[in-house]
């Protein structure tokens, strides 16, 4: 069992250092001039726009997390506030690339109608419903949120890799590398927190397994347009190469404490459905 007493324990991840060194705006650091002469293709720009929308959807996600016991964990709350701040500026950097192509900003385009399917029902629960459901789950629900955050980082990491590979553009590669440097701390925190919490509590494992079995990836996808979700799923996890990526995510899930190949396979199926 865990013996942590200081919520700001810096043994594995220095949360004070993270909050004090939060990444703000960095669009001015990006080399965008080359896009004027060698613009990205339409599919790469479409994927980039979708990623930007996912990165900017933190308020929707935090609204759901912070009506549960997660908001009582000072360390996690401090991380999530800073995480949301950094993701806002990641989305701003993506906006800068879109604007360099003469395209409107993320929030200035109507995505189209959302998907409405039975498989999305759990993820469409509002904050009031989530708060009521969370009352009986207690502290173990924090492990659920940390693990879903970790899997989301893996999924978005796959999407950024696909983007770089298909565009084969040095300027875009540099932008993505800059973004992933910021995101690397997010993944590290989620990884550390999910592992010790799963290892610490059988209840956390049980709740996490149930959540992963019904989750929609990436986080925030249910709020995006149906056509854009289909495009993302096809370009990142479609075909033979996409299935290999999905299997790799499933394997990583199965390797987490208390989880196993059955839940890893469930995640893989959700990615390739």
C-alpha atoms as a PDB file:
ATOM      1  CA  UNK A   1       0.000   0.000   0.000  1.00  0.00           C
ATOM      2  CA  UNK A   2       1.088   3.580  -0.614  1.00  0.00           C
ATOM      3  CA  UNK A   3       2.773   5.482   2.204  1.00  0.00           C
ATOM      4  CA  UNK A   4       2.619   8.912   0.580  1.00  0.00           C
ATOM      5  CA  UNK A   5       1.640  11.711   2.965  1.00  0.00           C
ATOM      6  CA  UNK A   6       2.786  14.874   1.182  1.00  0.00           C
ATOM      7  CA  UNK A   7       0.469  15.592  -1.788  1.00  0.00           C
ATOM      8  CA  UNK A   8       3.301  17.527  -3.419  1.00  0.00           C
ATOM      9  CA  UNK A   9       5.800  14.685  -3.003  1.00  0.00           C
ATOM     10  CA  UNK A  10       8.510  15.284  -5.614  1.00  0.00           C
ATOM     11  CA  UNK A  11      10.128  11.861  -5.385  1.00  0.00           C
ATOM     12  CA  UNK A  12       8.964  10.753  -8.843  1.00  0.00           C
ATOM     13  CA  UNK A  13       7.584  13.928 -10.389  1.00  0.00           C
ATOM     14  CA  UNK A  14       8.230  17.399  -9.007  1.00  0.00           C
ATOM     15  CA  UNK A  15       4.802  18.995  -9.249  1.00  0.00           C
ATOM     16  CA  UNK A  16       6.080  22.324  -7.920  1.00  0.00           C
ATOM     17  CA  UNK A  17       8.722  22.460 -10.632  1.00  0.00           C
ATOM     18  CA  UNK A  18       6.117  21.530 -13.237  1.00  0.00           C
ATOM     19  CA  UNK A  19       3.727  24.291 -12.226  1.00  0.00           C
ATOM     20  CA  UNK A  20       6.515  26.874 -11.998  1.00  0.00           C
ATOM     21  CA  UNK A  21       7.895  26.020 -15.441  1.00  0.00           C
ATOM     22  CA  UNK A  22       4.583  25.672 -17.281  1.00  0.00           C
ATOM     23  CA  UNK A  23       4.897  26.230 -21.018  1.00  0.00           C
ATOM     24  CA  UNK A  24       3.106  29.352 -22.171  1.00  0.00           C
ATOM     25  CA  UNK A  25       2.762  30.714 -25.694  1.00  0.00           C
ATOM     26  CA  UNK A  26       5.442  29.492 -28.088  1.00  0.00           C
ATOM     27  CA  UNK A  27       4.083  30.217 -31.560  1.00  0.00           C
ATOM     28  CA  UNK A  28       6.715  32.938 -32.004  1.00  0.00           C
ATOM     29  CA  UNK A  29       9.429  30.292 -31.642  1.00  0.00           C
ATOM     30  CA  UNK A  30       8.127  28.266 -34.591  1.00  0.00           C
ATOM     31  CA  UNK A  31       9.615  28.456 -38.078  1.00  0.00           C
ATOM     32  CA  UNK A  32       6.489  28.924 -40.200  1.00  0.00           C
ATOM     33  CA  UNK A  33       7.781  30.780 -43.271  1.00  0.00           C
ATOM     34  CA  UNK A  34       8.458  27.615 -45.284  1.00  0.00           C
ATOM     35  CA  UNK A  35       4.757  26.734 -45.323  1.00  0.00           C
ATOM     36  CA  UNK A  36       4.205  29.638 -47.723  1.00  0.00           C
ATOM     37  CA  UNK A  37       6.285  27.907 -50.402  1.00  0.00           C
ATOM     38  CA  UNK A  38       5.777  24.246 -49.429  1.00  0.00           C
ATOM     39  CA  UNK A  39       2.348  23.974 -47.821  1.00  0.00           C
ATOM     40  CA  UNK A  40       1.084  20.809 -46.200  1.00  0.00           C
ATOM     41  CA  UNK A  41      -1.377  18.609 -48.077  1.00  0.00           C
ATOM     42  CA  UNK A  42      -5.078  18.784 -47.265  1.00  0.00           C
ATOM     43  CA  UNK A  43      -5.224  15.535 -45.255  1.00  0.00           C
ATOM     44  CA  UNK A  44      -2.275  16.565 -43.092  1.00  0.00           C
ATOM     45  CA  UNK A  45      -3.910  19.896 -42.380  1.00  0.00           C
ATOM     46  CA  UNK A  46      -7.187  18.156 -41.585  1.00  0.00           C
ATOM     47  CA  UNK A  47      -5.491  15.815 -39.123  1.00  0.00           C
ATOM     48  CA  UNK A  48      -3.596  18.718 -37.595  1.00  0.00           C
ATOM     49  CA  UNK A  49      -6.828  20.676 -37.147  1.00  0.00           C
ATOM     50  CA  UNK A  50      -8.478  17.688 -35.468  1.00  0.00           C
ATOM     51  CA  UNK A  51      -5.524  17.312 -33.112  1.00  0.00           C
ATOM     52  CA  UNK A  52      -5.759  20.996 -32.290  1.00  0.00           C
ATOM     53  CA  UNK A  53      -9.416  20.633 -31.381  1.00  0.00           C
ATOM     54  CA  UNK A  54      -8.620  17.667 -29.135  1.00  0.00           C
ATOM     55  CA  UNK A  55      -5.790  19.552 -27.425  1.00  0.00           C
ATOM     56  CA  UNK A  56      -8.056  22.539 -26.787  1.00  0.00           C
ATOM     57  CA  UNK A  57     -10.908  20.477 -25.309  1.00  0.00           C
ATOM     58  CA  UNK A  58      -9.513  20.418 -21.768  1.00  0.00           C
ATOM     59  CA  UNK A  59     -12.336  22.423 -20.162  1.00  0.00           C
ATOM     60  CA  UNK A  60     -14.871  19.822 -21.273  1.00  0.00           C
ATOM     61  CA  UNK A  61     -12.723  17.094 -19.736  1.00  0.00           C
ATOM     62  CA  UNK A  62     -11.872  18.935 -16.514  1.00  0.00           C
ATOM     63  CA  UNK A  63     -15.556  19.709 -15.976  1.00  0.00           C
ATOM     64  CA  UNK A  64     -16.182  15.968 -15.767  1.00  0.00           C
ATOM     65  CA  UNK A  65     -13.127  15.083 -13.677  1.00  0.00           C
ATOM     66  CA  UNK A  66     -13.413  17.758 -11.041  1.00  0.00           C
ATOM     67  CA  UNK A  67     -16.919  16.826  -9.914  1.00  0.00           C
ATOM     68  CA  UNK A  68     -15.454  13.574  -8.558  1.00  0.00           C
ATOM     69  CA  UNK A  69     -12.998  12.700  -5.781  1.00  0.00           C
ATOM     70  CA  UNK A  70     -10.188  13.717  -8.124  1.00  0.00           C
ATOM     71  CA  UNK A  71     -10.658  17.365  -7.157  1.00  0.00           C
ATOM     72  CA  UNK A  72      -9.728  16.521  -3.547  1.00  0.00           C
ATOM     73  CA  UNK A  73      -6.240  15.358  -4.540  1.00  0.00           C
ATOM     74  CA  UNK A  74      -4.076  18.478  -4.332  1.00  0.00           C
ATOM     75  CA  UNK A  75      -1.214  16.986  -6.346  1.00  0.00           C
ATOM     76  CA  UNK A  76      -3.455  15.840  -9.179  1.00  0.00           C
ATOM     77  CA  UNK A  77      -5.465  19.066  -9.237  1.00  0.00           C
ATOM     78  CA  UNK A  78      -2.279  21.138  -9.420  1.00  0.00           C
ATOM     79  CA  UNK A  79      -1.138  19.010 -12.332  1.00  0.00           C
ATOM     80  CA  UNK A  80      -4.456  19.167 -14.184  1.00  0.00           C
ATOM     81  CA  UNK A  81      -4.709  22.951 -13.995  1.00  0.00           C
ATOM     82  CA  UNK A  82      -1.191  23.289 -15.414  1.00  0.00           C
ATOM     83  CA  UNK A  83      -1.843  20.514 -17.959  1.00  0.00           C
ATOM     84  CA  UNK A  84      -4.891  22.416 -19.245  1.00  0.00           C
ATOM     85  CA  UNK A  85      -2.837  25.618 -19.466  1.00  0.00           C
ATOM     86  CA  UNK A  86      -0.107  23.920 -21.495  1.00  0.00           C
ATOM     87  CA  UNK A  87      -2.577  22.200 -23.809  1.00  0.00           C
ATOM     88  CA  UNK A  88      -4.207  25.566 -24.523  1.00  0.00           C
ATOM     89  CA  UNK A  89      -0.884  26.827 -25.838  1.00  0.00           C
ATOM     90  CA  UNK A  90      -0.277  23.620 -27.790  1.00  0.00           C
ATOM     91  CA  UNK A  91      -3.573  24.301 -29.577  1.00  0.00           C
ATOM     92  CA  UNK A  92      -2.415  27.886 -30.156  1.00  0.00           C
ATOM     93  CA  UNK A  93       0.774  26.594 -31.824  1.00  0.00           C
ATOM     94  CA  UNK A  94      -1.363  24.413 -34.095  1.00  0.00           C
ATOM     95  CA  UNK A  95      -3.479  27.481 -34.868  1.00  0.00           C
ATOM     96  CA  UNK A  96      -0.276  29.229 -35.938  1.00  0.00           C
ATOM     97  CA  UNK A  97       0.445  26.502 -38.509  1.00  0.00           C
ATOM     98  CA  UNK A  98      -3.103  26.682 -39.839  1.00  0.00           C
ATOM     99  CA  UNK A  99      -2.921  30.464 -40.094  1.00  0.00           C
ATOM    100  CA  UNK A 100       0.413  30.180 -41.925  1.00  0.00           C
ATOM    101  CA  UNK A 101      -1.573  28.294 -44.578  1.00  0.00           C
ATOM    102  CA  UNK A 102      -4.169  31.057 -44.764  1.00  0.00           C
ATOM    103  CA  UNK A 103      -6.713  28.928 -42.908  1.00  0.00           C
ATOM    104  CA  UNK A 104      -9.049  30.053 -40.118  1.00  0.00           C
ATOM    105  CA  UNK A 105      -8.361  29.296 -36.481  1.00  0.00           C
ATOM    106  CA  UNK A 106      -9.674  26.167 -34.789  1.00  0.00           C
ATOM    107  CA  UNK A 107     -12.759  27.788 -33.284  1.00  0.00           C
ATOM    108  CA  UNK A 108     -13.717  29.611 -36.470  1.00  0.00           C
ATOM    109  CA  UNK A 109     -14.799  26.521 -38.428  1.00  0.00           C
ATOM    110  CA  UNK A 110     -18.058  24.622 -38.036  1.00  0.00           C
ATOM    111  CA  UNK A 111     -17.096  20.958 -37.805  1.00  0.00           C
ATOM    112  CA  UNK A 112     -20.483  19.566 -38.756  1.00  0.00           C
ATOM    113  CA  UNK A 113     -22.876  17.218 -36.917  1.00  0.00           C
ATOM    114  CA  UNK A 114     -21.659  14.983 -34.104  1.00  0.00           C
ATOM    115  CA  UNK A 115     -22.004  11.232 -34.027  1.00  0.00           C
ATOM    116  CA  UNK A 116     -24.806   9.793 -31.925  1.00  0.00           C
ATOM    117  CA  UNK A 117     -24.318   6.121 -31.197  1.00  0.00           C
ATOM    118  CA  UNK A 118     -25.035   3.775 -28.308  1.00  0.00           C
ATOM    119  CA  UNK A 119     -21.314   3.159 -27.820  1.00  0.00           C
ATOM    120  CA  UNK A 120     -20.824   6.861 -26.984  1.00  0.00           C
ATOM    121  CA  UNK A 121     -23.566   6.973 -24.350  1.00  0.00           C
ATOM    122  CA  UNK A 122     -21.288   6.507 -21.333  1.00  0.00           C
ATOM    123  CA  UNK A 123     -18.931   9.253 -22.448  1.00  0.00           C
ATOM    124  CA  UNK A 124     -21.815  11.679 -23.012  1.00  0.00           C
ATOM    125  CA  UNK A 125     -22.786  11.751 -19.342  1.00  0.00           C
ATOM    126  CA  UNK A 126     -22.893  15.303 -18.043  1.00  0.00           C
ATOM    127  CA  UNK A 127     -21.160  16.571 -14.869  1.00  0.00           C
ATOM    128  CA  UNK A 128     -24.222  16.135 -12.652  1.00  0.00           C
ATOM    129  CA  UNK A 129     -24.647  12.483 -13.653  1.00  0.00           C
ATOM    130  CA  UNK A 130     -20.922  11.881 -13.246  1.00  0.00           C
ATOM    131  CA  UNK A 131     -20.935  13.472  -9.800  1.00  0.00           C
ATOM    132  CA  UNK A 132     -23.788  11.257  -8.633  1.00  0.00           C
ATOM    133  CA  UNK A 133     -22.179   8.119 -10.067  1.00  0.00           C
ATOM    134  CA  UNK A 134     -18.820   9.013  -8.521  1.00  0.00           C
ATOM    135  CA  UNK A 135     -20.200   9.314  -4.984  1.00  0.00           C
ATOM    136  CA  UNK A 136     -19.821   5.593  -4.347  1.00  0.00           C
ATOM    137  CA  UNK A 137     -16.491   5.225  -6.127  1.00  0.00           C
ATOM    138  CA  UNK A 138     -14.340   7.320  -3.828  1.00  0.00           C
ATOM    139  CA  UNK A 139     -10.604   7.862  -4.177  1.00  0.00           C
ATOM    140  CA  UNK A 140      -9.987   4.901  -6.551  1.00  0.00           C
ATOM    141  CA  UNK A 141     -11.613   6.943  -9.327  1.00  0.00           C
ATOM    142  CA  UNK A 142      -8.448   9.048  -9.424  1.00  0.00           C
ATOM    143  CA  UNK A 143      -6.653   5.996 -10.834  1.00  0.00           C
ATOM    144  CA  UNK A 144      -9.298   5.789 -13.548  1.00  0.00           C
ATOM    145  CA  UNK A 145      -8.658   9.380 -14.562  1.00  0.00           C
ATOM    146  CA  UNK A 146      -4.881   8.996 -14.487  1.00  0.00           C
ATOM    147  CA  UNK A 147      -4.982   5.814 -16.576  1.00  0.00           C
ATOM    148  CA  UNK A 148      -7.369   7.206 -19.174  1.00  0.00           C
ATOM    149  CA  UNK A 149      -5.118  10.272 -19.371  1.00  0.00           C
ATOM    150  CA  UNK A 150      -2.131   8.005 -20.004  1.00  0.00           C
ATOM    151  CA  UNK A 151      -3.874   6.003 -22.737  1.00  0.00           C
ATOM    152  CA  UNK A 152      -5.013   9.263 -24.331  1.00  0.00           C
ATOM    153  CA  UNK A 153      -1.390  10.426 -24.486  1.00  0.00           C
ATOM    154  CA  UNK A 154      -0.458   7.176 -26.246  1.00  0.00           C
ATOM    155  CA  UNK A 155      -3.279   7.606 -28.765  1.00  0.00           C
ATOM    156  CA  UNK A 156      -2.444  11.236 -29.507  1.00  0.00           C
ATOM    157  CA  UNK A 157       1.223  10.265 -29.746  1.00  0.00           C
ATOM    158  CA  UNK A 158       0.311   7.809 -32.508  1.00  0.00           C
ATOM    159  CA  UNK A 159      -1.595  10.546 -34.331  1.00  0.00           C
ATOM    160  CA  UNK A 160       1.343  12.966 -34.192  1.00  0.00           C
ATOM    161  CA  UNK A 161       3.655  10.244 -35.508  1.00  0.00           C
ATOM    162  CA  UNK A 162       1.295   9.540 -38.408  1.00  0.00           C
ATOM    163  CA  UNK A 163       1.106  13.256 -39.143  1.00  0.00           C
ATOM    164  CA  UNK A 164       4.889  13.596 -39.332  1.00  0.00           C
ATOM    165  CA  UNK A 165       5.325  10.440 -41.406  1.00  0.00           C
ATOM    166  CA  UNK A 166       2.689  11.266 -44.004  1.00  0.00           C
ATOM    167  CA  UNK A 167       3.620  14.957 -44.397  1.00  0.00           C
ATOM    168  CA  UNK A 168       7.395  14.345 -44.485  1.00  0.00           C
ATOM    169  CA  UNK A 169       7.906  18.088 -43.965  1.00  0.00           C
ATOM    170  CA  UNK A 170      10.878  19.345 -41.900  1.00  0.00           C
ATOM    171  CA  UNK A 171       9.032  22.436 -40.683  1.00  0.00           C
ATOM    172  CA  UNK A 172       6.060  20.397 -39.479  1.00  0.00           C
ATOM    173  CA  UNK A 173       8.384  17.839 -37.884  1.00  0.00           C
ATOM    174  CA  UNK A 174       9.989  20.661 -35.891  1.00  0.00           C
ATOM    175  CA  UNK A 175       6.591  21.947 -34.745  1.00  0.00           C
ATOM    176  CA  UNK A 176       5.475  18.476 -33.672  1.00  0.00           C
ATOM    177  CA  UNK A 177       8.774  17.842 -31.875  1.00  0.00           C
ATOM    178  CA  UNK A 178       8.241  21.071 -29.934  1.00  0.00           C
ATOM    179  CA  UNK A 179       4.690  20.035 -29.047  1.00  0.00           C
ATOM    180  CA  UNK A 180       5.742  16.560 -27.975  1.00  0.00           C
ATOM    181  CA  UNK A 181       8.437  17.995 -25.719  1.00  0.00           C
ATOM    182  CA  UNK A 182       5.681  19.781 -23.817  1.00  0.00           C
ATOM    183  CA  UNK A 183       3.485  16.687 -23.815  1.00  0.00           C
ATOM    184  CA  UNK A 184       6.253  14.396 -22.575  1.00  0.00           C
ATOM    185  CA  UNK A 185       5.822  15.696 -19.033  1.00  0.00           C
ATOM    186  CA  UNK A 186       2.088  15.048 -19.224  1.00  0.00           C
ATOM    187  CA  UNK A 187       2.638  11.432 -20.206  1.00  0.00           C
ATOM    188  CA  UNK A 188       5.238  10.961 -17.489  1.00  0.00           C
ATOM    189  CA  UNK A 189       2.900  12.233 -14.766  1.00  0.00           C
ATOM    190  CA  UNK A 190      -0.024  10.110 -15.943  1.00  0.00           C
ATOM    191  CA  UNK A 191       2.263   7.076 -16.144  1.00  0.00           C
ATOM    192  CA  UNK A 192       3.655   7.476 -12.636  1.00  0.00           C
ATOM    193  CA  UNK A 193       0.291   8.217 -11.048  1.00  0.00           C
ATOM    194  CA  UNK A 194      -1.648   5.480 -12.817  1.00  0.00           C
ATOM    195  CA  UNK A 195       0.904   2.775 -12.008  1.00  0.00           C
ATOM    196  CA  UNK A 196       1.205   3.365  -8.274  1.00  0.00           C
ATOM    197  CA  UNK A 197      -2.540   3.894  -7.871  1.00  0.00           C
ATOM    198  CA  UNK A 198      -3.407   0.687  -9.735  1.00  0.00           C
ATOM    199  CA  UNK A 199      -0.772  -1.204  -7.782  1.00  0.00           C
ATOM    200  CA  UNK A 200      -2.112   0.271  -4.551  1.00  0.00           C
ATOM    201  CA  UNK A 201      -5.806  -0.598  -4.845  1.00  0.00           C
ATOM    202  CA  UNK A 202      -7.810  -3.553  -6.203  1.00  0.00           C
ATOM    203  CA  UNK A 203     -10.831  -1.230  -6.311  1.00  0.00           C
ATOM    204  CA  UNK A 204      -8.893   1.143  -8.532  1.00  0.00           C
ATOM    205  CA  UNK A 205      -8.093  -1.743 -10.872  1.00  0.00           C
ATOM    206  CA  UNK A 206     -11.719  -2.825 -11.022  1.00  0.00           C
ATOM    207  CA  UNK A 207     -12.977   0.677 -11.757  1.00  0.00           C
ATOM    208  CA  UNK A 208     -10.257   1.301 -14.336  1.00  0.00           C
ATOM    209  CA  UNK A 209     -10.998  -1.922 -16.180  1.00  0.00           C
ATOM    210  CA  UNK A 210     -14.680  -1.007 -16.392  1.00  0.00           C
ATOM    211  CA  UNK A 211     -13.895   2.499 -17.634  1.00  0.00           C
ATOM    212  CA  UNK A 212     -11.374   1.411 -20.278  1.00  0.00           C
ATOM    213  CA  UNK A 213     -13.834  -1.145 -21.655  1.00  0.00           C
ATOM    214  CA  UNK A 214     -16.293   1.608 -22.619  1.00  0.00           C
ATOM    215  CA  UNK A 215     -14.006   4.601 -23.220  1.00  0.00           C
ATOM    216  CA  UNK A 216     -14.015   6.497 -26.509  1.00  0.00           C
ATOM    217  CA  UNK A 217     -10.605   7.512 -27.824  1.00  0.00           C
ATOM    218  CA  UNK A 218      -9.123  10.048 -27.931  1.00  0.00           C
ATOM    219  CA  UNK A 219     -10.552  11.894 -24.921  1.00  0.00           C
ATOM    220  CA  UNK A 220     -12.968  14.517 -26.202  1.00  0.00           C
ATOM    221  CA  UNK A 221     -13.733  12.661 -29.421  1.00  0.00           C
ATOM    222  CA  UNK A 222     -17.447  12.458 -28.602  1.00  0.00           C
ATOM    223  CA  UNK A 223     -17.624  16.254 -28.865  1.00  0.00           C
ATOM    224  CA  UNK A 224     -16.102  16.300 -32.326  1.00  0.00           C
ATOM    225  CA  UNK A 225     -17.900  15.960 -35.651  1.00  0.00           C
ATOM    226  CA  UNK A 226     -18.742  12.480 -36.890  1.00  0.00           C
ATOM    227  CA  UNK A 227     -16.892  12.986 -40.183  1.00  0.00           C
ATOM    228  CA  UNK A 228     -13.750  14.191 -38.410  1.00  0.00           C
ATOM    229  CA  UNK A 229     -13.795  11.267 -35.998  1.00  0.00           C
ATOM    230  CA  UNK A 230     -14.098   8.821 -38.872  1.00  0.00           C
ATOM    231  CA  UNK A 231     -11.225  10.537 -40.658  1.00  0.00           C
ATOM    232  CA  UNK A 232      -9.024  10.360 -37.539  1.00  0.00           C
ATOM    233  CA  UNK A 233      -9.823   6.696 -36.898  1.00  0.00           C
ATOM    234  CA  UNK A 234      -9.127   5.775 -40.524  1.00  0.00           C
ATOM    235  CA  UNK A 235      -5.887   7.674 -40.962  1.00  0.00           C
ATOM    236  CA  UNK A 236      -4.386   6.704 -37.579  1.00  0.00           C
ATOM    237  CA  UNK A 237      -5.787   3.225 -36.902  1.00  0.00           C
ATOM    238  CA  UNK A 238      -7.091   2.059 -40.260  1.00  0.00           C
ATOM    239  CA  UNK A 239      -5.391  -0.516 -42.474  1.00  0.00           C
ATOM    240  CA  UNK A 240      -2.629  -2.948 -41.556  1.00  0.00           C
ATOM    241  CA  UNK A 241      -0.268  -0.291 -40.178  1.00  0.00           C
ATOM    242  CA  UNK A 242      -3.042   1.243 -38.116  1.00  0.00           C
ATOM    243  CA  UNK A 243      -3.950  -2.105 -36.598  1.00  0.00           C
ATOM    244  CA  UNK A 244      -0.323  -2.600 -35.595  1.00  0.00           C
ATOM    245  CA  UNK A 245      -0.423   0.757 -33.805  1.00  0.00           C
ATOM    246  CA  UNK A 246      -3.710  -0.150 -32.089  1.00  0.00           C
ATOM    247  CA  UNK A 247      -2.302  -3.511 -30.978  1.00  0.00           C
ATOM    248  CA  UNK A 248       0.710  -1.716 -29.506  1.00  0.00           C
ATOM    249  CA  UNK A 249      -1.569   0.541 -27.450  1.00  0.00           C
ATOM    250  CA  UNK A 250      -3.475  -2.521 -26.260  1.00  0.00           C
ATOM    251  CA  UNK A 251      -0.228  -4.218 -25.248  1.00  0.00           C
ATOM    252  CA  UNK A 252       0.823  -1.172 -23.235  1.00  0.00           C
ATOM    253  CA  UNK A 253      -2.550  -1.123 -21.475  1.00  0.00           C
ATOM    254  CA  UNK A 254      -2.228  -4.831 -20.684  1.00  0.00           C
ATOM    255  CA  UNK A 255       1.154  -4.137 -19.097  1.00  0.00           C
ATOM    256  CA  UNK A 256      -0.243  -1.761 -16.473  1.00  0.00           C
ATOM    257  CA  UNK A 257      -0.594  -3.093 -12.905  1.00  0.00           C
ATOM    258  CA  UNK A 258      -3.685  -5.240 -12.449  1.00  0.00           C
ATOM    259  CA  UNK A 259      -4.689  -5.082 -16.099  1.00  0.00           C
ATOM    260  CA  UNK A 260      -4.242  -7.884 -18.628  1.00  0.00           C
ATOM    261  CA  UNK A 261      -4.523  -8.805 -22.336  1.00  0.00           C
ATOM    262  CA  UNK A 262      -8.335  -8.941 -22.184  1.00  0.00           C
ATOM    263  CA  UNK A 263      -8.649  -5.250 -21.321  1.00  0.00           C
ATOM    264  CA  UNK A 264      -5.818  -4.438 -23.728  1.00  0.00           C
ATOM    265  CA  UNK A 265      -7.761  -6.158 -26.482  1.00  0.00           C
ATOM    266  CA  UNK A 266     -10.887  -4.203 -25.531  1.00  0.00           C
ATOM    267  CA  UNK A 267      -8.986  -0.948 -26.016  1.00  0.00           C
ATOM    268  CA  UNK A 268      -7.602  -2.176 -29.339  1.00  0.00           C
ATOM    269  CA  UNK A 269     -11.095  -3.030 -30.554  1.00  0.00           C
ATOM    270  CA  UNK A 270     -12.354   0.425 -29.629  1.00  0.00           C
ATOM    271  CA  UNK A 271      -9.514   2.024 -31.594  1.00  0.00           C
ATOM    272  CA  UNK A 272     -10.128  -0.037 -34.727  1.00  0.00           C
ATOM    273  CA  UNK A 273     -13.944  -0.259 -34.611  1.00  0.00           C
END
